[in-house]
Amino acid sequence: VEESSTSKKVMPYVLPILGYFFNK
């Protein structure tokens, strides 16, 4: 996972969504 480039590209989009649900 650390070596995967797709996770580095996807994480900036996924983290705000997760933050929205947890803050809600």
mmCIF file of all heavy atoms, coordinates in Angstrom:
data_MODEL
# 
_entry.id   MODEL 
# 
loop_
_atom_site.group_PDB 
_atom_site.id 
_atom_site.type_symbol 
_atom_site.label_atom_id 
_atom_site.label_alt_id 
_atom_site.label_comp_id 
_atom_site.label_asym_id 
_atom_site.label_entity_id 
_atom_site.label_seq_id 
_atom_site.pdbx_PDB_ins_code 
_atom_site.Cartn_x 
_atom_site.Cartn_y 
_atom_site.Cartn_z 
_atom_site.occupancy 
_atom_site.B_iso_or_equiv 
_atom_site.pdbx_formal_charge 
_atom_site.auth_seq_id 
_atom_site.auth_comp_id 
_atom_site.auth_asym_id 
_atom_site.auth_atom_id 
_atom_site.pdbx_PDB_model_num 
ATOM 1   N N   . VAL A 1 1  ? 0.842   -1.202 0.000   1.00 0.00 ? 1  VAL A N   1 
ATOM 2   C CA  . VAL A 1 1  ? 0.000   0.000  0.000   1.00 0.00 ? 1  VAL A CA  1 
ATOM 3   C C   . VAL A 1 1  ? 0.869   1.241  0.000   1.00 0.00 ? 1  VAL A C   1 
ATOM 4   O O   . VAL A 1 1  ? 0.572   2.218  -0.683  1.00 0.00 ? 1  VAL A O   1 
ATOM 5   C CB  . VAL A 1 1  ? -0.964  -0.015 1.209   1.00 0.00 ? 1  VAL A CB  1 
ATOM 6   C CG1 . VAL A 1 1  ? -1.619  1.333  1.398   1.00 0.00 ? 1  VAL A CG1 1 
ATOM 7   C CG2 . VAL A 1 1  ? -2.008  -1.084 1.025   1.00 0.00 ? 1  VAL A CG2 1 
ATOM 8   N N   . GLU A 1 2  ? 1.951   1.212  0.756   1.00 0.00 ? 2  GLU A N   1 
ATOM 9   C CA  . GLU A 1 2  ? 2.846   2.365  0.795   1.00 0.00 ? 2  GLU A CA  1 
ATOM 10  C C   . GLU A 1 2  ? 3.490   2.592  -0.562  1.00 0.00 ? 2  GLU A C   1 
ATOM 11  O O   . GLU A 1 2  ? 3.724   3.733  -0.964  1.00 0.00 ? 2  GLU A O   1 
ATOM 12  C CB  . GLU A 1 2  ? 3.926   2.171  1.856   1.00 0.00 ? 2  GLU A CB  1 
ATOM 13  C CG  . GLU A 1 2  ? 3.415   2.295  3.269   1.00 0.00 ? 2  GLU A CG  1 
ATOM 14  C CD  . GLU A 1 2  ? 4.484   1.987  4.298   1.00 0.00 ? 2  GLU A CD  1 
ATOM 15  O OE1 . GLU A 1 2  ? 5.626   1.663  3.900   1.00 0.00 ? 2  GLU A OE1 1 
ATOM 16  O OE2 . GLU A 1 2  ? 4.182   2.057  5.486   1.00 0.00 ? 2  GLU A OE2 1 
ATOM 17  N N   . GLU A 1 3  ? 3.786   1.539  -1.284  1.00 0.00 ? 3  GLU A N   1 
ATOM 18  C CA  . GLU A 1 3  ? 4.428   1.657  -2.575  1.00 0.00 ? 3  GLU A CA  1 
ATOM 19  C C   . GLU A 1 3  ? 3.441   1.969  -3.691  1.00 0.00 ? 3  GLU A C   1 
ATOM 20  O O   . GLU A 1 3  ? 3.826   2.389  -4.767  1.00 0.00 ? 3  GLU A O   1 
ATOM 21  C CB  . GLU A 1 3  ? 5.171   0.364  -2.912  1.00 0.00 ? 3  GLU A CB  1 
ATOM 22  C CG  . GLU A 1 3  ? 6.331   0.075  -1.989  1.00 0.00 ? 3  GLU A CG  1 
ATOM 23  C CD  . GLU A 1 3  ? 6.927   -1.299 -2.219  1.00 0.00 ? 3  GLU A CD  1 
ATOM 24  O OE1 . GLU A 1 3  ? 6.420   -2.030 -3.092  1.00 0.00 ? 3  GLU A OE1 1 
ATOM 25  O OE2 . GLU A 1 3  ? 7.885   -1.645 -1.515  1.00 0.00 ? 3  GLU A OE2 1 
ATOM 26  N N   . SER A 1 4  ? 2.163   1.784  -3.429  1.00 0.00 ? 4  SER A N   1 
ATOM 27  C CA  . SER A 1 4  ? 1.160   1.963  -4.465  1.00 0.00 ? 4  SER A CA  1 
ATOM 28  C C   . SER A 1 4  ? 0.988   3.437  -4.795  1.00 0.00 ? 4  SER A C   1 
ATOM 29  O O   . SER A 1 4  ? 0.762   4.274  -3.917  1.00 0.00 ? 4  SER A O   1 
ATOM 30  C CB  . SER A 1 4  ? -0.162  1.367  -4.007  1.00 0.00 ? 4  SER A CB  1 
ATOM 31  O OG  . SER A 1 4  ? -1.166  1.658  -4.937  1.00 0.00 ? 4  SER A OG  1 
ATOM 32  N N   . SER A 1 5  ? 1.051   3.753  -6.055  1.00 0.00 ? 5  SER A N   1 
ATOM 33  C CA  . SER A 1 5  ? 0.880   5.143  -6.473  1.00 0.00 ? 5  SER A CA  1 
ATOM 34  C C   . SER A 1 5  ? -0.593  5.508  -6.542  1.00 0.00 ? 5  SER A C   1 
ATOM 35  O O   . SER A 1 5  ? -0.954  6.679  -6.406  1.00 0.00 ? 5  SER A O   1 
ATOM 36  C CB  . SER A 1 5  ? 1.550   5.375  -7.824  1.00 0.00 ? 5  SER A CB  1 
ATOM 37  O OG  . SER A 1 5  ? 0.943   4.545  -8.806  1.00 0.00 ? 5  SER A OG  1 
ATOM 38  N N   . THR A 1 6  ? -1.460  4.514  -6.737  1.00 0.00 ? 6  THR A N   1 
ATOM 39  C CA  . THR A 1 6  ? -2.888  4.821  -6.815  1.00 0.00 ? 6  THR A CA  1 
ATOM 40  C C   . THR A 1 6  ? -3.417  5.283  -5.472  1.00 0.00 ? 6  THR A C   1 
ATOM 41  O O   . THR A 1 6  ? -4.270  6.160  -5.415  1.00 0.00 ? 6  THR A O   1 
ATOM 42  C CB  . THR A 1 6  ? -3.685  3.591  -7.281  1.00 0.00 ? 6  THR A CB  1 
ATOM 43  O OG1 . THR A 1 6  ? -3.432  2.502  -6.390  1.00 0.00 ? 6  THR A OG1 1 
ATOM 44  C CG2 . THR A 1 6  ? -3.300  3.194  -8.683  1.00 0.00 ? 6  THR A CG2 1 
ATOM 45  N N   . SER A 1 7  ? -2.906  4.708  -4.382  1.00 0.00 ? 7  SER A N   1 
ATOM 46  C CA  . SER A 1 7  ? -3.376  5.153  -3.071  1.00 0.00 ? 7  SER A CA  1 
ATOM 47  C C   . SER A 1 7  ? -2.942  6.587  -2.809  1.00 0.00 ? 7  SER A C   1 
ATOM 48  O O   . SER A 1 7  ? -3.654  7.349  -2.176  1.00 0.00 ? 7  SER A O   1 
ATOM 49  C CB  . SER A 1 7  ? -2.866  4.231  -1.976  1.00 0.00 ? 7  SER A CB  1 
ATOM 50  O OG  . SER A 1 7  ? -1.455  4.324  -1.879  1.00 0.00 ? 7  SER A OG  1 
ATOM 51  N N   . LYS A 1 8  ? -1.778  6.975  -3.303  1.00 0.00 ? 8  LYS A N   1 
ATOM 52  C CA  . LYS A 1 8  ? -1.323  8.348  -3.126  1.00 0.00 ? 8  LYS A CA  1 
ATOM 53  C C   . LYS A 1 8  ? -2.185  9.312  -3.929  1.00 0.00 ? 8  LYS A C   1 
ATOM 54  O O   . LYS A 1 8  ? -2.398  10.446 -3.519  1.00 0.00 ? 8  LYS A O   1 
ATOM 55  C CB  . LYS A 1 8  ? 0.144   8.478  -3.549  1.00 0.00 ? 8  LYS A CB  1 
ATOM 56  C CG  . LYS A 1 8  ? 1.092   7.766  -2.625  1.00 0.00 ? 8  LYS A CG  1 
ATOM 57  C CD  . LYS A 1 8  ? 2.518   7.888  -3.099  1.00 0.00 ? 8  LYS A CD  1 
ATOM 58  C CE  . LYS A 1 8  ? 3.452   7.084  -2.199  1.00 0.00 ? 8  LYS A CE  1 
ATOM 59  N NZ  . LYS A 1 8  ? 4.826   7.094  -2.692  1.00 0.00 ? 8  LYS A NZ  1 
ATOM 60  N N   . LYS A 1 9  ? -2.723  8.848  -5.045  1.00 0.00 ? 9  LYS A N   1 
ATOM 61  C CA  . LYS A 1 9  ? -3.581  9.698  -5.859  1.00 0.00 ? 9  LYS A CA  1 
ATOM 62  C C   . LYS A 1 9  ? -5.000  9.771  -5.304  1.00 0.00 ? 9  LYS A C   1 
ATOM 63  O O   . LYS A 1 9  ? -5.659  10.800 -5.413  1.00 0.00 ? 9  LYS A O   1 
ATOM 64  C CB  . LYS A 1 9  ? -3.629  9.172  -7.293  1.00 0.00 ? 9  LYS A CB  1 
ATOM 65  C CG  . LYS A 1 9  ? -2.321  9.297  -8.031  1.00 0.00 ? 9  LYS A CG  1 
ATOM 66  C CD  . LYS A 1 9  ? -2.432  8.697  -9.420  1.00 0.00 ? 9  LYS A CD  1 
ATOM 67  C CE  . LYS A 1 9  ? -1.097  8.752  -10.147 1.00 0.00 ? 9  LYS A CE  1 
ATOM 68  N NZ  . LYS A 1 9  ? -1.158  8.085  -11.453 1.00 0.00 ? 9  LYS A NZ  1 
ATOM 69  N N   . VAL A 1 10 ? -5.474  8.693  -4.699  1.00 0.00 ? 10 VAL A N   1 
ATOM 70  C CA  . VAL A 1 10 ? -6.863  8.619  -4.248  1.00 0.00 ? 10 VAL A CA  1 
ATOM 71  C C   . VAL A 1 10 ? -7.050  9.209  -2.850  1.00 0.00 ? 10 VAL A C   1 
ATOM 72  O O   . VAL A 1 10 ? -8.091  9.808  -2.561  1.00 0.00 ? 10 VAL A O   1 
ATOM 73  C CB  . VAL A 1 10 ? -7.346  7.148  -4.278  1.00 0.00 ? 10 VAL A CB  1 
ATOM 74  C CG1 . VAL A 1 10 ? -8.704  6.985  -3.646  1.00 0.00 ? 10 VAL A CG1 1 
ATOM 75  C CG2 . VAL A 1 10 ? -7.349  6.641  -5.704  1.00 0.00 ? 10 VAL A CG2 1 
ATOM 76  N N   . MET A 1 11 ? -6.075  9.071  -1.964  1.00 0.00 ? 11 MET A N   1 
ATOM 77  C CA  . MET A 1 11 ? -6.229  9.480  -0.563  1.00 0.00 ? 11 MET A CA  1 
ATOM 78  C C   . MET A 1 11 ? -6.607  10.948 -0.390  1.00 0.00 ? 11 MET A C   1 
ATOM 79  O O   . MET A 1 11 ? -7.426  11.260 0.473   1.00 0.00 ? 11 MET A O   1 
ATOM 80  C CB  . MET A 1 11 ? -4.959  9.152  0.236   1.00 0.00 ? 11 MET A CB  1 
ATOM 81  C CG  . MET A 1 11 ? -4.765  7.663  0.474   1.00 0.00 ? 11 MET A CG  1 
ATOM 82  S SD  . MET A 1 11 ? -6.185  6.853  1.200   1.00 0.00 ? 11 MET A SD  1 
ATOM 83  C CE  . MET A 1 11 ? -5.988  7.335  2.884   1.00 0.00 ? 11 MET A CE  1 
ATOM 84  N N   . PRO A 1 12 ? -6.086  11.908 -1.176  1.00 0.00 ? 12 PRO A N   1 
ATOM 85  C CA  . PRO A 1 12 ? -6.524  13.298 -0.976  1.00 0.00 ? 12 PRO A CA  1 
ATOM 86  C C   . PRO A 1 12 ? -8.011  13.499 -1.232  1.00 0.00 ? 12 PRO A C   1 
ATOM 87  O O   . PRO A 1 12 ? -8.609  14.434 -0.702  1.00 0.00 ? 12 PRO A O   1 
ATOM 88  C CB  . PRO A 1 12 ? -5.676  14.090 -1.983  1.00 0.00 ? 12 PRO A CB  1 
ATOM 89  C CG  . PRO A 1 12 ? -4.478  13.257 -2.223  1.00 0.00 ? 12 PRO A CG  1 
ATOM 90  C CD  . PRO A 1 12 ? -4.950  11.840 -2.087  1.00 0.00 ? 12 PRO A CD  1 
ATOM 91  N N   . TYR A 1 13 ? -8.631  12.630 -2.021  1.00 0.00 ? 13 TYR A N   1 
ATOM 92  C CA  . TYR A 1 13 ? -10.062 12.754 -2.290  1.00 0.00 ? 13 TYR A CA  1 
ATOM 93  C C   . TYR A 1 13 ? -10.901 11.998 -1.267  1.00 0.00 ? 13 TYR A C   1 
ATOM 94  O O   . TYR A 1 13 ? -12.027 12.373 -0.975  1.00 0.00 ? 13 TYR A O   1 
ATOM 95  C CB  . TYR A 1 13 ? -10.383 12.239 -3.695  1.00 0.00 ? 13 TYR A CB  1 
ATOM 96  C CG  . TYR A 1 13 ? -9.648  13.000 -4.778  1.00 0.00 ? 13 TYR A CG  1 
ATOM 97  C CD1 . TYR A 1 13 ? -8.613  12.418 -5.467  1.00 0.00 ? 13 TYR A CD1 1 
ATOM 98  C CD2 . TYR A 1 13 ? -9.994  14.318 -5.066  1.00 0.00 ? 13 TYR A CD2 1 
ATOM 99  C CE1 . TYR A 1 13 ? -7.929  13.112 -6.445  1.00 0.00 ? 13 TYR A CE1 1 
ATOM 100 C CE2 . TYR A 1 13 ? -9.313  15.031 -6.035  1.00 0.00 ? 13 TYR A CE2 1 
ATOM 101 C CZ  . TYR A 1 13 ? -8.282  14.423 -6.727  1.00 0.00 ? 13 TYR A CZ  1 
ATOM 102 O OH  . TYR A 1 13 ? -7.617  15.119 -7.685  1.00 0.00 ? 13 TYR A OH  1 
ATOM 103 N N   . VAL A 1 14 ? -10.355 10.927 -0.726  1.00 0.00 ? 14 VAL A N   1 
ATOM 104 C CA  . VAL A 1 14 ? -11.111 10.088 0.206   1.00 0.00 ? 14 VAL A CA  1 
ATOM 105 C C   . VAL A 1 14 ? -11.101 10.679 1.616   1.00 0.00 ? 14 VAL A C   1 
ATOM 106 O O   . VAL A 1 14 ? -12.115 10.641 2.322   1.00 0.00 ? 14 VAL A O   1 
ATOM 107 C CB  . VAL A 1 14 ? -10.535 8.648  0.215   1.00 0.00 ? 14 VAL A CB  1 
ATOM 108 C CG1 . VAL A 1 14 ? -11.171 7.808  1.303   1.00 0.00 ? 14 VAL A CG1 1 
ATOM 109 C CG2 . VAL A 1 14 ? -10.718 8.004  -1.139  1.00 0.00 ? 14 VAL A CG2 1 
ATOM 110 N N   . LEU A 1 15 ? -9.990  11.232 2.047   1.00 0.00 ? 15 LEU A N   1 
ATOM 111 C CA  . LEU A 1 15 ? -9.879  11.733 3.416   1.00 0.00 ? 15 LEU A CA  1 
ATOM 112 C C   . LEU A 1 15 ? -10.888 12.832 3.743   1.00 0.00 ? 15 LEU A C   1 
ATOM 113 O O   . LEU A 1 15 ? -11.490 12.806 4.821   1.00 0.00 ? 15 LEU A O   1 
ATOM 114 C CB  . LEU A 1 15 ? -8.448  12.199 3.696   1.00 0.00 ? 15 LEU A CB  1 
ATOM 115 C CG  . LEU A 1 15 ? -7.427  11.067 3.833   1.00 0.00 ? 15 LEU A CG  1 
ATOM 116 C CD1 . LEU A 1 15 ? -6.033  11.647 4.034   1.00 0.00 ? 15 LEU A CD1 1 
ATOM 117 C CD2 . LEU A 1 15 ? -7.774  10.134 4.961   1.00 0.00 ? 15 LEU A CD2 1 
ATOM 118 N N   . PRO A 1 16 ? -11.142 13.809 2.879   1.00 0.00 ? 16 PRO A N   1 
ATOM 119 C CA  . PRO A 1 16 ? -12.162 14.809 3.225   1.00 0.00 ? 16 PRO A CA  1 
ATOM 120 C C   . PRO A 1 16 ? -13.561 14.216 3.362   1.00 0.00 ? 16 PRO A C   1 
ATOM 121 O O   . PRO A 1 16 ? -14.339 14.643 4.208   1.00 0.00 ? 16 PRO A O   1 
ATOM 122 C CB  . PRO A 1 16 ? -12.102 15.805 2.058   1.00 0.00 ? 16 PRO A CB  1 
ATOM 123 C CG  . PRO A 1 16 ? -10.761 15.639 1.480   1.00 0.00 ? 16 PRO A CG  1 
ATOM 124 C CD  . PRO A 1 16 ? -10.403 14.206 1.681   1.00 0.00 ? 16 PRO A CD  1 
ATOM 125 N N   . ILE A 1 17 ? -13.853 13.198 2.543   1.00 0.00 ? 17 ILE A N   1 
ATOM 126 C CA  . ILE A 1 17 ? -15.174 12.559 2.646   1.00 0.00 ? 17 ILE A CA  1 
ATOM 127 C C   . ILE A 1 17 ? -15.298 11.836 3.976   1.00 0.00 ? 17 ILE A C   1 
ATOM 128 O O   . ILE A 1 17 ? -16.321 11.948 4.671   1.00 0.00 ? 17 ILE A O   1 
ATOM 129 C CB  . ILE A 1 17 ? -15.385 11.595 1.458   1.00 0.00 ? 17 ILE A CB  1 
ATOM 130 C CG1 . ILE A 1 17 ? -15.420 12.389 0.148   1.00 0.00 ? 17 ILE A CG1 1 
ATOM 131 C CG2 . ILE A 1 17 ? -16.662 10.787 1.638   1.00 0.00 ? 17 ILE A CG2 1 
ATOM 132 C CD1 . ILE A 1 17 ? -15.374 11.528 -1.089  1.00 0.00 ? 17 ILE A CD1 1 
ATOM 133 N N   . LEU A 1 18 ? -14.273 11.106 4.358   1.00 0.00 ? 18 LEU A N   1 
ATOM 134 C CA  . LEU A 1 18 ? -14.299 10.426 5.658   1.00 0.00 ? 18 LEU A CA  1 
ATOM 135 C C   . LEU A 1 18 ? -14.372 11.445 6.792   1.00 0.00 ? 18 LEU A C   1 
ATOM 136 O O   . LEU A 1 18 ? -15.096 11.241 7.773   1.00 0.00 ? 18 LEU A O   1 
ATOM 137 C CB  . LEU A 1 18 ? -13.060 9.536  5.822   1.00 0.00 ? 18 LEU A CB  1 
ATOM 138 C CG  . LEU A 1 18 ? -12.989 8.303  4.924   1.00 0.00 ? 18 LEU A CG  1 
ATOM 139 C CD1 . LEU A 1 18 ? -11.663 7.600  5.117   1.00 0.00 ? 18 LEU A CD1 1 
ATOM 140 C CD2 . LEU A 1 18 ? -14.130 7.364  5.213   1.00 0.00 ? 18 LEU A CD2 1 
ATOM 141 N N   . GLY A 1 19 ? -13.627 12.528 6.674   1.00 0.00 ? 19 GLY A N   1 
ATOM 142 C CA  . GLY A 1 19 ? -13.672 13.574 7.699   1.00 0.00 ? 19 GLY A CA  1 
ATOM 143 C C   . GLY A 1 19 ? -15.051 14.185 7.818   1.00 0.00 ? 19 GLY A C   1 
ATOM 144 O O   . GLY A 1 19 ? -15.519 14.485 8.921   1.00 0.00 ? 19 GLY A O   1 
ATOM 145 N N   . TYR A 1 20 ? -15.743 14.348 6.714   1.00 0.00 ? 20 TYR A N   1 
ATOM 146 C CA  . TYR A 1 20 ? -17.094 14.900 6.749   1.00 0.00 ? 20 TYR A CA  1 
ATOM 147 C C   . TYR A 1 20 ? -18.032 13.991 7.530   1.00 0.00 ? 20 TYR A C   1 
ATOM 148 O O   . TYR A 1 20 ? -18.800 14.445 8.375   1.00 0.00 ? 20 TYR A O   1 
ATOM 149 C CB  . TYR A 1 20 ? -17.612 15.104 5.314   1.00 0.00 ? 20 TYR A CB  1 
ATOM 150 C CG  . TYR A 1 20 ? -19.072 15.469 5.265   1.00 0.00 ? 20 TYR A CG  1 
ATOM 151 C CD1 . TYR A 1 20 ? -19.496 16.754 5.592   1.00 0.00 ? 20 TYR A CD1 1 
ATOM 152 C CD2 . TYR A 1 20 ? -20.033 14.530 4.900   1.00 0.00 ? 20 TYR A CD2 1 
ATOM 153 C CE1 . TYR A 1 20 ? -20.835 17.085 5.551   1.00 0.00 ? 20 TYR A CE1 1 
ATOM 154 C CE2 . TYR A 1 20 ? -21.370 14.843 4.865   1.00 0.00 ? 20 TYR A CE2 1 
ATOM 155 C CZ  . TYR A 1 20 ? -21.773 16.135 5.184   1.00 0.00 ? 20 TYR A CZ  1 
ATOM 156 O OH  . TYR A 1 20 ? -23.102 16.454 5.164   1.00 0.00 ? 20 TYR A OH  1 
ATOM 157 N N   . PHE A 1 21 ? -17.966 12.692 7.252   1.00 0.00 ? 21 PHE A N   1 
ATOM 158 C CA  . PHE A 1 21 ? -18.858 11.760 7.946   1.00 0.00 ? 21 PHE A CA  1 
ATOM 159 C C   . PHE A 1 21 ? -18.517 11.654 9.425   1.00 0.00 ? 21 PHE A C   1 
ATOM 160 O O   . PHE A 1 21 ? -19.412 11.596 10.265  1.00 0.00 ? 21 PHE A O   1 
ATOM 161 C CB  . PHE A 1 21 ? -18.819 10.378 7.287   1.00 0.00 ? 21 PHE A CB  1 
ATOM 162 C CG  . PHE A 1 21 ? -19.562 10.328 5.985   1.00 0.00 ? 21 PHE A CG  1 
ATOM 163 C CD1 . PHE A 1 21 ? -18.893 10.058 4.810   1.00 0.00 ? 21 PHE A CD1 1 
ATOM 164 C CD2 . PHE A 1 21 ? -20.918 10.570 5.935   1.00 0.00 ? 21 PHE A CD2 1 
ATOM 165 C CE1 . PHE A 1 21 ? -19.563 10.012 3.605   1.00 0.00 ? 21 PHE A CE1 1 
ATOM 166 C CE2 . PHE A 1 21 ? -21.608 10.528 4.736   1.00 0.00 ? 21 PHE A CE2 1 
ATOM 167 C CZ  . PHE A 1 21 ? -20.927 10.252 3.561   1.00 0.00 ? 21 PHE A CZ  1 
ATOM 168 N N   . PHE A 1 22 ? -17.243 11.623 9.775   1.00 0.00 ? 22 PHE A N   1 
ATOM 169 C CA  . PHE A 1 22 ? -16.873 11.508 11.187  1.00 0.00 ? 22 PHE A CA  1 
ATOM 170 C C   . PHE A 1 22 ? -17.191 12.790 11.940  1.00 0.00 ? 22 PHE A C   1 
ATOM 171 O O   . PHE A 1 22 ? -17.616 12.753 13.090  1.00 0.00 ? 22 PHE A O   1 
ATOM 172 C CB  . PHE A 1 22 ? -15.404 11.144 11.345  1.00 0.00 ? 22 PHE A CB  1 
ATOM 173 C CG  . PHE A 1 22 ? -15.127 9.698  11.047  1.00 0.00 ? 22 PHE A CG  1 
ATOM 174 C CD1 . PHE A 1 22 ? -14.257 9.336  10.035  1.00 0.00 ? 22 PHE A CD1 1 
ATOM 175 C CD2 . PHE A 1 22 ? -15.749 8.700  11.771  1.00 0.00 ? 22 PHE A CD2 1 
ATOM 176 C CE1 . PHE A 1 22 ? -14.008 8.013  9.756   1.00 0.00 ? 22 PHE A CE1 1 
ATOM 177 C CE2 . PHE A 1 22 ? -15.512 7.370  11.504  1.00 0.00 ? 22 PHE A CE2 1 
ATOM 178 C CZ  . PHE A 1 22 ? -14.632 7.022  10.487  1.00 0.00 ? 22 PHE A CZ  1 
ATOM 179 N N   . ASN A 1 23 ? -17.017 13.937 11.321  1.00 0.00 ? 23 ASN A N   1 
ATOM 180 C CA  . ASN A 1 23 ? -17.368 15.196 11.987  1.00 0.00 ? 23 ASN A CA  1 
ATOM 181 C C   . ASN A 1 23 ? -18.861 15.316 12.157  1.00 0.00 ? 23 ASN A C   1 
ATOM 182 O O   . ASN A 1 23 ? -19.338 15.853 13.152  1.00 0.00 ? 23 ASN A O   1 
ATOM 183 C CB  . ASN A 1 23 ? -16.838 16.390 11.186  1.00 0.00 ? 23 ASN A CB  1 
ATOM 184 C CG  . ASN A 1 23 ? -15.342 16.539 11.321  1.00 0.00 ? 23 ASN A CG  1 
ATOM 185 O OD1 . ASN A 1 23 ? -14.762 16.086 12.302  1.00 0.00 ? 23 ASN A OD1 1 
ATOM 186 N ND2 . ASN A 1 23 ? -14.725 17.151 10.327  1.00 0.00 ? 23 ASN A ND2 1 
ATOM 187 N N   . LYS A 1 24 ? -19.621 14.807 11.206  1.00 0.00 ? 24 LYS A N   1 
ATOM 188 C CA  . LYS A 1 24 ? -21.071 14.852 11.307  1.00 0.00 ? 24 LYS A CA  1 
ATOM 189 C C   . LYS A 1 24 ? -21.553 14.008 12.479  1.00 0.00 ? 24 LYS A C   1 
ATOM 190 O O   . LYS A 1 24 ? -22.414 14.416 13.242  1.00 0.00 ? 24 LYS A O   1 
ATOM 191 C CB  . LYS A 1 24 ? -21.687 14.357 9.999   1.00 0.00 ? 24 LYS A CB  1 
ATOM 192 C CG  . LYS A 1 24 ? -23.181 14.538 9.923   1.00 0.00 ? 24 LYS A CG  1 
ATOM 193 C CD  . LYS A 1 24 ? -23.691 14.154 8.547   1.00 0.00 ? 24 LYS A CD  1 
ATOM 194 C CE  . LYS A 1 24 ? -25.168 14.426 8.424   1.00 0.00 ? 24 LYS A CE  1 
ATOM 195 N NZ  . LYS A 1 24 ? -25.683 14.066 7.109   1.00 0.00 ? 24 LYS A NZ  1 
# 
